[in-house]
């Protein structure tokens, strides 16, 4: 289960700076994704990114559970959304 941060508990988005994202992606996948130019093609190629984040010149803005839940149809909660995303990610990793 994803950790709920203080920003999310207040309904405020979390913003990850390009520098911080670059450090994390370098450590995780060996590629430094630290700018709009490097992130945009990946964002456009992966529709699920649009469900969980957006980006601008300051960095990547993670949507809150509240934002995610309000965008869904069928009355699903943010908790079920996280569960669905985790299942999809696991299936892609296994398959």
C-alpha atoms as a PDB file:
ATOM      1  CA  UNK A   1       0.000   0.000   0.000  1.00  0.00           C
ATOM      2  CA  UNK A   2       1.312   3.438  -0.885  1.00  0.00           C
ATOM      3  CA  UNK A   3       2.383   5.668   1.954  1.00  0.00           C
ATOM      4  CA  UNK A   4       0.016   8.583   2.469  1.00  0.00           C
ATOM      5  CA  UNK A   5       2.032  11.741   2.994  1.00  0.00           C
ATOM      6  CA  UNK A   6       1.075  14.824   5.000  1.00  0.00           C
ATOM      7  CA  UNK A   7       0.360  16.830   1.864  1.00  0.00           C
ATOM      8  CA  UNK A   8      -2.115  14.206   0.658  1.00  0.00           C
ATOM      9  CA  UNK A   9      -3.856  14.008   4.028  1.00  0.00           C
ATOM     10  CA  UNK A  10      -4.593  17.728   3.720  1.00  0.00           C
ATOM     11  CA  UNK A  11      -5.729  17.340   0.107  1.00  0.00           C
ATOM     12  CA  UNK A  12      -2.715  19.273  -1.180  1.00  0.00           C
ATOM     13  CA  UNK A  13      -0.655  17.924  -4.056  1.00  0.00           C
ATOM     14  CA  UNK A  14       2.918  16.784  -3.535  1.00  0.00           C
ATOM     15  CA  UNK A  15       5.416  18.370  -5.923  1.00  0.00           C
ATOM     16  CA  UNK A  16       8.656  16.590  -6.746  1.00  0.00           C
ATOM     17  CA  UNK A  17      11.343  18.908  -8.090  1.00  0.00           C
ATOM     18  CA  UNK A  18      13.163  17.989 -11.284  1.00  0.00           C
ATOM     19  CA  UNK A  19      16.383  17.679  -9.301  1.00  0.00           C
ATOM     20  CA  UNK A  20      14.827  15.244  -6.817  1.00  0.00           C
ATOM     21  CA  UNK A  21      13.194  13.240  -9.618  1.00  0.00           C
ATOM     22  CA  UNK A  22      16.520  13.091 -11.452  1.00  0.00           C
ATOM     23  CA  UNK A  23      18.239  11.692  -8.353  1.00  0.00           C
ATOM     24  CA  UNK A  24      15.525   9.086  -7.817  1.00  0.00           C
ATOM     25  CA  UNK A  25      15.371   7.932 -11.429  1.00  0.00           C
ATOM     26  CA  UNK A  26      19.173   7.733 -11.583  1.00  0.00           C
ATOM     27  CA  UNK A  27      19.159   5.449  -8.551  1.00  0.00           C
ATOM     28  CA  UNK A  28      16.140   3.398  -9.651  1.00  0.00           C
ATOM     29  CA  UNK A  29      16.639   2.902 -13.385  1.00  0.00           C
ATOM     30  CA  UNK A  30      20.074   4.317 -14.152  1.00  0.00           C
ATOM     31  CA  UNK A  31      18.647   7.192 -16.214  1.00  0.00           C
ATOM     32  CA  UNK A  32      18.457  10.766 -15.039  1.00  0.00           C
ATOM     33  CA  UNK A  33      14.970  12.112 -15.854  1.00  0.00           C
ATOM     34  CA  UNK A  34      15.366  15.635 -14.540  1.00  0.00           C
ATOM     35  CA  UNK A  35      13.580  17.976 -16.931  1.00  0.00           C
ATOM     36  CA  UNK A  36      10.330  18.550 -18.797  1.00  0.00           C
ATOM     37  CA  UNK A  37      12.047  17.516 -22.037  1.00  0.00           C
ATOM     38  CA  UNK A  38      13.064  14.137 -20.612  1.00  0.00           C
ATOM     39  CA  UNK A  39       9.820  13.479 -18.721  1.00  0.00           C
ATOM     40  CA  UNK A  40       7.248  14.571 -21.334  1.00  0.00           C
ATOM     41  CA  UNK A  41       7.802  11.688 -23.806  1.00  0.00           C
ATOM     42  CA  UNK A  42       7.400   9.137 -21.004  1.00  0.00           C
ATOM     43  CA  UNK A  43       4.307  10.941 -19.698  1.00  0.00           C
ATOM     44  CA  UNK A  44       2.732  11.020 -23.169  1.00  0.00           C
ATOM     45  CA  UNK A  45       3.558   7.351 -23.825  1.00  0.00           C
ATOM     46  CA  UNK A  46       2.000   6.089 -20.592  1.00  0.00           C
ATOM     47  CA  UNK A  47      -1.700   6.967 -20.148  1.00  0.00           C
ATOM     48  CA  UNK A  48      -1.679   5.844 -16.504  1.00  0.00           C
ATOM     49  CA  UNK A  49       0.699   8.716 -15.640  1.00  0.00           C
ATOM     50  CA  UNK A  50      -2.118  11.160 -16.396  1.00  0.00           C
ATOM     51  CA  UNK A  51      -4.184   9.493 -13.661  1.00  0.00           C
ATOM     52  CA  UNK A  52      -1.575  10.033 -10.963  1.00  0.00           C
ATOM     53  CA  UNK A  53       0.386  13.155 -11.870  1.00  0.00           C
ATOM     54  CA  UNK A  54       0.920  16.241 -13.989  1.00  0.00           C
ATOM     55  CA  UNK A  55       4.037  18.325 -14.571  1.00  0.00           C
ATOM     56  CA  UNK A  56       5.225  21.858 -15.169  1.00  0.00           C
ATOM     57  CA  UNK A  57       8.566  23.739 -15.171  1.00  0.00           C
ATOM     58  CA  UNK A  58       8.827  23.353 -11.373  1.00  0.00           C
ATOM     59  CA  UNK A  59       8.497  19.552 -11.335  1.00  0.00           C
ATOM     60  CA  UNK A  60       6.044  16.673 -11.174  1.00  0.00           C
ATOM     61  CA  UNK A  61       2.811  17.191  -9.225  1.00  0.00           C
ATOM     62  CA  UNK A  62       1.420  13.997  -7.690  1.00  0.00           C
ATOM     63  CA  UNK A  63      -2.344  14.007  -7.467  1.00  0.00           C
ATOM     64  CA  UNK A  64      -3.903  13.473  -4.070  1.00  0.00           C
ATOM     65  CA  UNK A  65      -6.268  10.645  -3.229  1.00  0.00           C
ATOM     66  CA  UNK A  66      -9.020  13.246  -3.141  1.00  0.00           C
ATOM     67  CA  UNK A  67      -8.242  14.454  -6.694  1.00  0.00           C
ATOM     68  CA  UNK A  68      -7.972  10.922  -8.010  1.00  0.00           C
ATOM     69  CA  UNK A  69     -11.240   9.829  -6.393  1.00  0.00           C
ATOM     70  CA  UNK A  70     -13.121  12.848  -7.743  1.00  0.00           C
ATOM     71  CA  UNK A  71     -12.007  12.034 -11.299  1.00  0.00           C
ATOM     72  CA  UNK A  72     -13.314   8.501 -11.195  1.00  0.00           C
ATOM     73  CA  UNK A  73     -16.748   7.380 -12.215  1.00  0.00           C
ATOM     74  CA  UNK A  74     -18.774   4.671 -10.533  1.00  0.00           C
ATOM     75  CA  UNK A  75     -18.161   5.889  -6.974  1.00  0.00           C
ATOM     76  CA  UNK A  76     -14.811   4.225  -6.434  1.00  0.00           C
ATOM     77  CA  UNK A  77     -12.618   5.558  -3.652  1.00  0.00           C
ATOM     78  CA  UNK A  78      -9.008   6.677  -3.820  1.00  0.00           C
ATOM     79  CA  UNK A  79      -8.010   3.553  -1.896  1.00  0.00           C
ATOM     80  CA  UNK A  80      -9.402   1.266  -4.610  1.00  0.00           C
ATOM     81  CA  UNK A  81      -7.619   3.351  -7.240  1.00  0.00           C
ATOM     82  CA  UNK A  82      -4.275   2.756  -5.574  1.00  0.00           C
ATOM     83  CA  UNK A  83      -5.082  -0.934  -5.380  1.00  0.00           C
ATOM     84  CA  UNK A  84      -5.971  -1.036  -9.079  1.00  0.00           C
ATOM     85  CA  UNK A  85      -2.778   0.787 -10.065  1.00  0.00           C
ATOM     86  CA  UNK A  86      -0.701  -1.583  -7.956  1.00  0.00           C
ATOM     87  CA  UNK A  87      -2.342  -4.614  -9.585  1.00  0.00           C
ATOM     88  CA  UNK A  88      -1.702  -3.191 -13.064  1.00  0.00           C
ATOM     89  CA  UNK A  89       1.932  -2.442 -12.241  1.00  0.00           C
ATOM     90  CA  UNK A  90       2.441  -5.925 -10.812  1.00  0.00           C
ATOM     91  CA  UNK A  91       0.830  -7.549 -13.855  1.00  0.00           C
ATOM     92  CA  UNK A  92       3.063  -5.555 -16.214  1.00  0.00           C
ATOM     93  CA  UNK A  93       6.151  -6.455 -14.195  1.00  0.00           C
ATOM     94  CA  UNK A  94       5.297 -10.163 -14.132  1.00  0.00           C
ATOM     95  CA  UNK A  95       4.050 -10.358 -17.708  1.00  0.00           C
END
